[in-house]
PDB file of N, CA and C in Angstrom:
ATOM      1  N   UNK A   1      10.940   3.347  10.407  1.00  0.00           N
ATOM      2  CA  UNK A   1      10.440   1.999  10.239  1.00  0.00           C
ATOM      3  C   UNK A   1      11.365   1.039  10.993  1.00  0.00           C
ATOM      4  N   UNK A   2      10.811   0.165  11.784  1.00  0.00           N
ATOM      5  CA  UNK A   2      11.666  -0.753  12.541  1.00  0.00           C
ATOM      6  C   UNK A   2      12.394  -1.705  11.606  1.00  0.00           C
ATOM      7  N   UNK A   3      13.606  -2.045  11.998  1.00  0.00           N
ATOM      8  CA  UNK A   3      14.409  -2.960  11.184  1.00  0.00           C
ATOM      9  C   UNK A   3      13.972  -4.388  11.457  1.00  0.00           C
ATOM     10  N   UNK A   4      13.810  -5.138  10.364  1.00  0.00           N
ATOM     11  CA  UNK A   4      13.408  -6.530  10.480  1.00  0.00           C
ATOM     12  C   UNK A   4      14.487  -7.401   9.873  1.00  0.00           C
ATOM     13  N   UNK A   5      14.462  -8.633  10.235  1.00  0.00           N
ATOM     14  CA  UNK A   5      15.395  -9.596   9.672  1.00  0.00           C
ATOM     15  C   UNK A   5      15.151  -9.707   8.168  1.00  0.00           C
ATOM     16  N   UNK A   6      16.218  -9.774   7.353  1.00  0.00           N
ATOM     17  CA  UNK A   6      16.037  -9.838   5.893  1.00  0.00           C
ATOM     18  C   UNK A   6      15.175 -11.013   5.428  1.00  0.00           C
ATOM     19  N   UNK A   7      15.265 -12.151   6.106  1.00  0.00           N
ATOM     20  CA  UNK A   7      14.428 -13.284   5.709  1.00  0.00           C
ATOM     21  C   UNK A   7      12.949 -13.005   5.969  1.00  0.00           C
ATOM     22  N   UNK A   8      12.661 -12.299   7.049  1.00  0.00           N
ATOM     23  CA  UNK A   8      11.275 -11.941   7.354  1.00  0.00           C
ATOM     24  C   UNK A   8      10.739 -10.969   6.300  1.00  0.00           C
ATOM     25  N   UNK A   9      11.589 -10.001   5.911  1.00  0.00           N
ATOM     26  CA  UNK A   9      11.179  -9.063   4.865  1.00  0.00           C
ATOM     27  C   UNK A   9      10.895  -9.783   3.553  1.00  0.00           C
ATOM     28  N   UNK A  10      11.760 -10.708   3.184  1.00  0.00           N
ATOM     29  CA  UNK A  10      11.563 -11.455   1.936  1.00  0.00           C
ATOM     30  C   UNK A  10      10.308 -12.320   2.010  1.00  0.00           C
ATOM     31  N   UNK A  11      10.064 -12.921   3.172  1.00  0.00           N
ATOM     32  CA  UNK A  11       8.864 -13.745   3.334  1.00  0.00           C
ATOM     33  C   UNK A  11       7.603 -12.894   3.190  1.00  0.00           C
ATOM     34  N   UNK A  12       7.614 -11.706   3.791  1.00  0.00           N
ATOM     35  CA  UNK A  12       6.456 -10.820   3.682  1.00  0.00           C
ATOM     36  C   UNK A  12       6.295 -10.294   2.263  1.00  0.00           C
ATOM     37  N   UNK A  13       7.399 -10.024   1.592  1.00  0.00           N
ATOM     38  CA  UNK A  13       7.339  -9.571   0.209  1.00  0.00           C
ATOM     39  C   UNK A  13       6.749 -10.661  -0.687  1.00  0.00           C
ATOM     40  N   UNK A  14       7.204 -11.894  -0.506  1.00  0.00           N
ATOM     41  CA  UNK A  14       6.668 -13.016  -1.295  1.00  0.00           C
ATOM     42  C   UNK A  14       5.187 -13.238  -0.991  1.00  0.00           C
ATOM     43  N   UNK A  15       4.817 -13.124   0.275  1.00  0.00           N
ATOM     44  CA  UNK A  15       3.398 -13.285   0.645  1.00  0.00           C
ATOM     45  C   UNK A  15       2.553 -12.191  -0.017  1.00  0.00           C
ATOM     46  N   UNK A  16       3.076 -10.971  -0.066  1.00  0.00           N
ATOM     47  CA  UNK A  16       2.355  -9.878  -0.710  1.00  0.00           C
ATOM     48  C   UNK A  16       2.161 -10.113  -2.199  1.00  0.00           C
ATOM     49  N   UNK A  17       3.211 -10.590  -2.861  1.00  0.00           N
ATOM     50  CA  UNK A  17       3.100 -10.876  -4.289  1.00  0.00           C
ATOM     51  C   UNK A  17       2.097 -12.004  -4.523  1.00  0.00           C
ATOM     52  N   UNK A  18       2.155 -13.035  -3.691  1.00  0.00           N
ATOM     53  CA  UNK A  18       1.204 -14.147  -3.838  1.00  0.00           C
ATOM     54  C   UNK A  18      -0.241 -13.683  -3.626  1.00  0.00           C
ATOM     55  N   UNK A  19      -0.448 -12.801  -2.655  1.00  0.00           N
ATOM     56  CA  UNK A  19      -1.796 -12.277  -2.430  1.00  0.00           C
ATOM     57  C   UNK A  19      -2.277 -11.464  -3.637  1.00  0.00           C
ATOM     58  N   UNK A  20      -1.376 -10.669  -4.204  1.00  0.00           N
ATOM     59  CA  UNK A  20      -1.764  -9.875  -5.369  1.00  0.00           C
ATOM     60  C   UNK A  20      -2.075 -10.772  -6.563  1.00  0.00           C
ATOM     61  N   UNK A  21      -1.340 -11.865  -6.704  1.00  0.00           N
ATOM     62  CA  UNK A  21      -1.608 -12.804  -7.798  1.00  0.00           C
ATOM     63  C   UNK A  21      -2.880 -13.613  -7.550  1.00  0.00           C
ATOM     64  N   UNK A  22      -3.234 -13.813  -6.275  1.00  0.00           N
ATOM     65  CA  UNK A  22      -4.431 -14.578  -5.944  1.00  0.00           C
ATOM     66  C   UNK A  22      -5.706 -13.741  -6.055  1.00  0.00           C
ATOM     67  N   UNK A  23      -5.577 -12.439  -6.112  1.00  0.00           N
ATOM     68  CA  UNK A  23      -6.756 -11.567  -6.154  1.00  0.00           C
ATOM     69  C   UNK A  23      -7.679 -11.862  -7.332  1.00  0.00           C
ATOM     70  N   UNK A  24      -7.179 -12.041  -8.548  1.00  0.00           N
ATOM     71  CA  UNK A  24      -8.110 -12.348  -9.652  1.00  0.00           C
ATOM     72  C   UNK A  24      -8.820 -13.693  -9.488  1.00  0.00           C
ATOM     73  N   UNK A  25      -8.181 -14.620  -8.793  1.00  0.00           N
ATOM     74  CA  UNK A  25      -8.804 -15.926  -8.561  1.00  0.00           C
ATOM     75  C   UNK A  25      -9.950 -15.791  -7.561  1.00  0.00           C
ATOM     76  N   UNK A  26      -9.776 -14.918  -6.579  1.00  0.00           N
ATOM     77  CA  UNK A  26     -10.766 -14.731  -5.523  1.00  0.00           C
ATOM     78  C   UNK A  26     -11.870 -13.756  -5.958  1.00  0.00           C
ATOM     79  N   UNK A  27     -11.588 -12.934  -6.966  1.00  0.00           N
ATOM     80  CA  UNK A  27     -12.523 -11.877  -7.382  1.00  0.00           C
ATOM     81  C   UNK A  27     -13.927 -12.373  -7.740  1.00  0.00           C
ATOM     82  N   UNK A  28     -14.085 -13.541  -8.392  1.00  0.00           N
ATOM     83  CA  UNK A  28     -15.453 -13.961  -8.736  1.00  0.00           C
ATOM     84  C   UNK A  28     -16.334 -14.306  -7.527  1.00  0.00           C
ATOM     85  N   UNK A  29     -15.749 -14.487  -6.373  1.00  0.00           N
ATOM     86  CA  UNK A  29     -16.554 -14.777  -5.184  1.00  0.00           C
ATOM     87  C   UNK A  29     -17.421 -13.570  -4.852  1.00  0.00           C
ATOM     88  N   UNK A  30     -18.571 -13.802  -4.238  1.00  0.00           N
ATOM     89  CA  UNK A  30     -19.427 -12.667  -3.878  1.00  0.00           C
ATOM     90  C   UNK A  30     -18.748 -11.760  -2.851  1.00  0.00           C
ATOM     91  N   UNK A  31     -18.984 -10.490  -2.990  1.00  0.00           N
ATOM     92  CA  UNK A  31     -18.419  -9.521  -2.061  1.00  0.00           C
ATOM     93  C   UNK A  31     -17.112  -8.955  -2.574  1.00  0.00           C
ATOM     94  N   UNK A  32     -16.486  -8.111  -1.770  1.00  0.00           N
ATOM     95  CA  UNK A  32     -15.262  -7.434  -2.204  1.00  0.00           C
ATOM     96  C   UNK A  32     -13.985  -8.217  -1.902  1.00  0.00           C
ATOM     97  N   UNK A  33     -14.040  -9.533  -1.908  1.00  0.00           N
ATOM     98  CA  UNK A  33     -12.892 -10.338  -1.498  1.00  0.00           C
ATOM     99  C   UNK A  33     -11.665 -10.060  -2.350  1.00  0.00           C
ATOM    100  N   UNK A  34     -11.825  -9.966  -3.664  1.00  0.00           N
ATOM    101  CA  UNK A  34     -10.681  -9.751  -4.542  1.00  0.00           C
ATOM    102  C   UNK A  34      -9.987  -8.432  -4.268  1.00  0.00           C
ATOM    103  N   UNK A  35     -10.765  -7.398  -4.035  1.00  0.00           N
ATOM    104  CA  UNK A  35     -10.194  -6.085  -3.753  1.00  0.00           C
ATOM    105  C   UNK A  35      -9.432  -6.087  -2.437  1.00  0.00           C
ATOM    106  N   UNK A  36     -10.000  -6.712  -1.426  1.00  0.00           N
ATOM    107  CA  UNK A  36      -9.340  -6.750  -0.120  1.00  0.00           C
ATOM    108  C   UNK A  36      -8.061  -7.574  -0.162  1.00  0.00           C
ATOM    109  N   UNK A  37      -8.076  -8.683  -0.887  1.00  0.00           N
ATOM    110  CA  UNK A  37      -6.877  -9.516  -0.999  1.00  0.00           C
ATOM    111  C   UNK A  37      -5.781  -8.752  -1.739  1.00  0.00           C
ATOM    112  N   UNK A  38      -6.148  -8.059  -2.819  1.00  0.00           N
ATOM    113  CA  UNK A  38      -5.159  -7.272  -3.557  1.00  0.00           C
ATOM    114  C   UNK A  38      -4.594  -6.154  -2.683  1.00  0.00           C
ATOM    115  N   UNK A  39      -5.460  -5.480  -1.930  1.00  0.00           N
ATOM    116  CA  UNK A  39      -5.007  -4.394  -1.060  1.00  0.00           C
ATOM    117  C   UNK A  39      -4.047  -4.901   0.013  1.00  0.00           C
ATOM    118  N   UNK A  40      -4.344  -6.060   0.591  1.00  0.00           N
ATOM    119  CA  UNK A  40      -3.446  -6.629   1.598  1.00  0.00           C
ATOM    120  C   UNK A  40      -2.088  -6.963   0.985  1.00  0.00           C
ATOM    121  N   UNK A  41      -2.095  -7.510  -0.213  1.00  0.00           N
ATOM    122  CA  UNK A  41      -0.840  -7.809  -0.896  1.00  0.00           C
ATOM    123  C   UNK A  41      -0.062  -6.544  -1.216  1.00  0.00           C
ATOM    124  N   UNK A  42      -0.762  -5.502  -1.657  1.00  0.00           N
ATOM    125  CA  UNK A  42      -0.108  -4.233  -1.966  1.00  0.00           C
ATOM    126  C   UNK A  42       0.542  -3.638  -0.731  1.00  0.00           C
ATOM    127  N   UNK A  43      -0.134  -3.706   0.390  1.00  0.00           N
ATOM    128  CA  UNK A  43       0.427  -3.182   1.643  1.00  0.00           C
ATOM    129  C   UNK A  43       1.715  -3.922   1.990  1.00  0.00           C
ATOM    130  N   UNK A  44       1.705  -5.245   1.902  1.00  0.00           N
ATOM    131  CA  UNK A  44       2.910  -6.015   2.224  1.00  0.00           C
ATOM    132  C   UNK A  44       4.056  -5.698   1.269  1.00  0.00           C
ATOM    133  N   UNK A  45       3.757  -5.557   0.005  1.00  0.00           N
ATOM    134  CA  UNK A  45       4.809  -5.253  -0.965  1.00  0.00           C
ATOM    135  C   UNK A  45       5.373  -3.855  -0.726  1.00  0.00           C
ATOM    136  N   UNK A  46       4.509  -2.873  -0.513  1.00  0.00           N
ATOM    137  CA  UNK A  46       4.992  -1.500  -0.310  1.00  0.00           C
ATOM    138  C   UNK A  46       5.784  -1.353   0.981  1.00  0.00           C
ATOM    139  N   UNK A  47       5.471  -2.115   1.978  1.00  0.00           N
ATOM    140  CA  UNK A  47       6.209  -2.006   3.238  1.00  0.00           C
ATOM    141  C   UNK A  47       7.554  -2.720   3.201  1.00  0.00           C
ATOM    142  N   UNK A  48       7.766  -3.585   2.218  1.00  0.00           N
ATOM    143  CA  UNK A  48       8.987  -4.386   2.214  1.00  0.00           C
ATOM    144  C   UNK A  48       9.852  -4.216   0.980  1.00  0.00           C
ATOM    145  N   UNK A  49       9.491  -3.360   0.045  1.00  0.00           N
ATOM    146  CA  UNK A  49      10.275  -3.199  -1.177  1.00  0.00           C
ATOM    147  C   UNK A  49      10.506  -1.723  -1.467  1.00  0.00           C
ATOM    148  N   UNK A  50      11.756  -1.333  -1.486  1.00  0.00           N
ATOM    149  CA  UNK A  50      12.102   0.053  -1.794  1.00  0.00           C
ATOM    150  C   UNK A  50      11.728   0.384  -3.237  1.00  0.00           C
ATOM    151  N   UNK A  51      11.985  -0.527  -4.159  1.00  0.00           N
ATOM    152  CA  UNK A  51      11.656  -0.297  -5.566  1.00  0.00           C
ATOM    153  C   UNK A  51      10.156  -0.080  -5.752  1.00  0.00           C
ATOM    154  N   UNK A  52       9.358  -0.860  -5.048  1.00  0.00           N
ATOM    155  CA  UNK A  52       7.907  -0.703  -5.151  1.00  0.00           C
ATOM    156  C   UNK A  52       7.464   0.648  -4.597  1.00  0.00           C
ATOM    157  N   UNK A  53       8.100   1.107  -3.525  1.00  0.00           N
ATOM    158  CA  UNK A  53       7.748   2.414  -2.959  1.00  0.00           C
ATOM    159  C   UNK A  53       8.067   3.541  -3.928  1.00  0.00           C
ATOM    160  N   UNK A  54       9.211   3.441  -4.620  1.00  0.00           N
ATOM    161  CA  UNK A  54       9.592   4.476  -5.584  1.00  0.00           C
ATOM    162  C   UNK A  54       8.592   4.498  -6.739  1.00  0.00           C
ATOM    163  N   UNK A  55       8.254   3.325  -7.246  1.00  0.00           N
ATOM    164  CA  UNK A  55       7.283   3.260  -8.349  1.00  0.00           C
ATOM    165  C   UNK A  55       5.911   3.765  -7.901  1.00  0.00           C
ATOM    166  N   UNK A  56       5.532   3.449  -6.660  1.00  0.00           N
ATOM    167  CA  UNK A  56       4.255   3.912  -6.126  1.00  0.00           C
ATOM    168  C   UNK A  56       4.251   5.437  -6.010  1.00  0.00           C
ATOM    169  N   UNK A  57       5.378   6.025  -5.592  1.00  0.00           N
ATOM    170  CA  UNK A  57       5.461   7.487  -5.478  1.00  0.00           C
ATOM    171  C   UNK A  57       5.302   8.138  -6.853  1.00  0.00           C
ATOM    172  N   UNK A  58       5.915   7.554  -7.887  1.00  0.00           N
ATOM    173  CA  UNK A  58       5.732   8.082  -9.250  1.00  0.00           C
ATOM    174  C   UNK A  58       4.279   7.965  -9.683  1.00  0.00           C
ATOM    175  N   UNK A  59       3.686   6.833  -9.373  1.00  0.00           N
ATOM    176  CA  UNK A  59       2.290   6.583  -9.731  1.00  0.00           C
ATOM    177  C   UNK A  59       1.375   7.589  -9.023  1.00  0.00           C
ATOM    178  N   UNK A  60       1.691   7.886  -7.755  1.00  0.00           N
ATOM    179  CA  UNK A  60       0.890   8.838  -6.989  1.00  0.00           C
ATOM    180  C   UNK A  60       0.975  10.241  -7.567  1.00  0.00           C
ATOM    181  N   UNK A  61       2.148  10.621  -8.078  1.00  0.00           N
ATOM    182  CA  UNK A  61       2.267  11.937  -8.700  1.00  0.00           C
ATOM    183  C   UNK A  61       1.414  12.037  -9.949  1.00  0.00           C
ATOM    184  N   UNK A  62       1.281  10.929 -10.657  1.00  0.00           N
ATOM    185  CA  UNK A  62       0.483  10.949 -11.887  1.00  0.00           C
ATOM    186  C   UNK A  62      -1.013  10.952 -11.585  1.00  0.00           C
ATOM    187  N   UNK A  63      -1.444  10.178 -10.575  1.00  0.00           N
ATOM    188  CA  UNK A  63      -2.852  10.088 -10.190  1.00  0.00           C
ATOM    189  C   UNK A  63      -2.972  10.397  -8.690  1.00  0.00           C
ATOM    190  N   UNK A  64      -2.937  11.665  -8.299  1.00  0.00           N
ATOM    191  CA  UNK A  64      -2.890  12.017  -6.873  1.00  0.00           C
ATOM    192  C   UNK A  64      -4.127  11.621  -6.072  1.00  0.00           C
ATOM    193  N   UNK A  65      -5.313  11.681  -6.676  1.00  0.00           N
ATOM    194  CA  UNK A  65      -6.518  11.337  -5.900  1.00  0.00           C
ATOM    195  C   UNK A  65      -6.525   9.869  -5.503  1.00  0.00           C
ATOM    196  N   UNK A  66      -6.198   9.011  -6.441  1.00  0.00           N
ATOM    197  CA  UNK A  66      -6.176   7.574  -6.144  1.00  0.00           C
ATOM    198  C   UNK A  66      -5.053   7.267  -5.160  1.00  0.00           C
ATOM    199  N   UNK A  67      -3.901   7.909  -5.347  1.00  0.00           N
ATOM    200  CA  UNK A  67      -2.785   7.708  -4.415  1.00  0.00           C
ATOM    201  C   UNK A  67      -3.138   8.125  -3.002  1.00  0.00           C
ATOM    202  N   UNK A  68      -3.897   9.215  -2.890  1.00  0.00           N
ATOM    203  CA  UNK A  68      -4.319   9.669  -1.558  1.00  0.00           C
ATOM    204  C   UNK A  68      -5.231   8.626  -0.900  1.00  0.00           C
ATOM    205  N   UNK A  69      -6.147   8.063  -1.676  1.00  0.00           N
ATOM    206  CA  UNK A  69      -7.037   7.038  -1.113  1.00  0.00           C
ATOM    207  C   UNK A  69      -6.259   5.824  -0.628  1.00  0.00           C
ATOM    208  N   UNK A  70      -5.248   5.430  -1.377  1.00  0.00           N
ATOM    209  CA  UNK A  70      -4.423   4.284  -0.964  1.00  0.00           C
ATOM    210  C   UNK A  70      -3.670   4.620   0.310  1.00  0.00           C
ATOM    211  N   UNK A  71      -3.109   5.831   0.383  1.00  0.00           N
ATOM    212  CA  UNK A  71      -2.392   6.247   1.592  1.00  0.00           C
ATOM    213  C   UNK A  71      -3.303   6.237   2.810  1.00  0.00           C
ATOM    214  N   UNK A  72      -4.506   6.741   2.653  1.00  0.00           N
ATOM    215  CA  UNK A  72      -5.451   6.771   3.777  1.00  0.00           C
ATOM    216  C   UNK A  72      -5.815   5.346   4.191  1.00  0.00           C
ATOM    217  N   UNK A  73      -6.026   4.480   3.215  1.00  0.00           N
ATOM    218  CA  UNK A  73      -6.375   3.097   3.529  1.00  0.00           C
ATOM    219  C   UNK A  73      -5.227   2.381   4.238  1.00  0.00           C
ATOM    220  N   UNK A  74      -3.991   2.730   3.870  1.00  0.00           N
ATOM    221  CA  UNK A  74      -2.829   2.097   4.505  1.00  0.00           C
ATOM    222  C   UNK A  74      -2.484   2.736   5.843  1.00  0.00           C
ATOM    223  N   UNK A  75      -3.129   3.855   6.158  1.00  0.00           N
ATOM    224  CA  UNK A  75      -2.863   4.601   7.392  1.00  0.00           C
ATOM    225  C   UNK A  75      -1.392   4.981   7.500  1.00  0.00           C
ATOM    226  N   UNK A  76      -0.883   5.535   6.422  1.00  0.00           N
ATOM    227  CA  UNK A  76       0.524   5.908   6.380  1.00  0.00           C
ATOM    228  C   UNK A  76       0.757   7.158   7.212  1.00  0.00           C
ATOM    229  N   UNK A  77       1.854   7.185   7.951  1.00  0.00           N
ATOM    230  CA  UNK A  77       2.164   8.333   8.804  1.00  0.00           C
ATOM    231  C   UNK A  77       2.402   9.586   7.982  1.00  0.00           C
ATOM    232  N   UNK A  78       3.020   9.419   6.805  1.00  0.00           N
ATOM    233  CA  UNK A  78       3.291  10.585   5.969  1.00  0.00           C
ATOM    234  C   UNK A  78       1.992  11.275   5.556  1.00  0.00           C
ATOM    235  N   UNK A  79       0.954  10.494   5.312  1.00  0.00           N
ATOM    236  CA  UNK A  79      -0.337  11.081   4.937  1.00  0.00           C
ATOM    237  C   UNK A  79      -0.918  11.859   6.107  1.00  0.00           C
ATOM    238  N   UNK A  80      -0.809  11.309   7.299  1.00  0.00           N
ATOM    239  CA  UNK A  80      -1.330  12.006   8.471  1.00  0.00           C
ATOM    240  C   UNK A  80      -0.578  13.312   8.704  1.00  0.00           C
ATOM    241  N   UNK A  81       0.756  13.295   8.522  1.00  0.00           N
ATOM    242  CA  UNK A  81       1.541  14.526   8.684  1.00  0.00           C
ATOM    243  C   UNK A  81       1.151  15.557   7.633  1.00  0.00           C
ATOM    244  N   UNK A  82       0.994  15.125   6.382  1.00  0.00           N
ATOM    245  CA  UNK A  82       0.613  16.044   5.308  1.00  0.00           C
ATOM    246  C   UNK A  82      -0.753  16.658   5.565  1.00  0.00           C
ATOM    247  N   UNK A  83      -1.662  15.847   6.046  1.00  0.00           N
ATOM    248  CA  UNK A  83      -3.015  16.327   6.346  1.00  0.00           C
ATOM    249  C   UNK A  83      -2.991  17.366   7.464  1.00  0.00           C
ATOM    250  N   UNK A  84      -2.229  17.087   8.534  1.00  0.00           N
ATOM    251  CA  UNK A  84      -2.130  18.019   9.653  1.00  0.00           C
ATOM    252  C   UNK A  84      -1.484  19.330   9.199  1.00  0.00           C
ATOM    253  N   UNK A  85      -0.458  19.234   8.350  1.00  0.00           N
ATOM    254  CA  UNK A  85       0.206  20.428   7.835  1.00  0.00           C
ATOM    255  C   UNK A  85      -0.747  21.250   6.977  1.00  0.00           C
ATOM    256  N   UNK A  86      -1.541  20.583   6.158  1.00  0.00           N
ATOM    257  CA  UNK A  86      -2.491  21.284   5.290  1.00  0.00           C
ATOM    258  C   UNK A  86      -3.569  21.975   6.118  1.00  0.00           C
ATOM    259  N   UNK A  87      -4.006  21.359   7.195  1.00  0.00           N
ATOM    260  CA  UNK A  87      -5.015  21.984   8.049  1.00  0.00           C
ATOM    261  C   UNK A  87      -4.430  23.207   8.745  1.00  0.00           C
ATOM    262  N   UNK A  88      -3.164  23.134   9.146  1.00  0.00           N
ATOM    263  CA  UNK A  88      -2.512  24.273   9.804  1.00  0.00           C
ATOM    264  C   UNK A  88      -2.342  25.447   8.858  1.00  0.00           C
ATOM    265  N   UNK A  89      -2.066  25.185   7.590  1.00  0.00           N
ATOM    266  CA  UNK A  89      -1.884  26.247   6.610  1.00  0.00           C
ATOM    267  C   UNK A  89      -3.230  26.870   6.249  1.00  0.00           C
ATOM    268  N   UNK A  90      -4.276  26.067   6.224  1.00  0.00           N
ATOM    269  CA  UNK A  90      -5.608  26.554   5.846  1.00  0.00           C
ATOM    270  C   UNK A  90      -6.201  27.512   6.868  1.00  0.00           C
ATOM    271  N   UNK A  91      -5.769  27.433   8.075  1.00  0.00           N
ATOM    272  CA  UNK A  91      -6.347  28.298   9.128  1.00  0.00           C
ATOM    273  C   UNK A  91      -5.920  29.699   8.998  1.00  0.00           C
TER     274      UNK A  91
END
């Protein structure tokens, strides 16, 4: 992961938290706006907080199917590597 300035990381982390808090406010609007806003906030928080990543990893172990969907939606490199490894073993 490229190194960013600490102030930029904090700004992105705060923006992610604000987006996650704004999701319930946006949810009553027609369409999937609330879900998309929450997902964008989650992505920003997970990319900028080590504590959030650790908690997310624990959460993924408890609910692997949902965790996999989040990884695919975030286009995480680790998910792509795991998928490629699983396809190689299956052959």
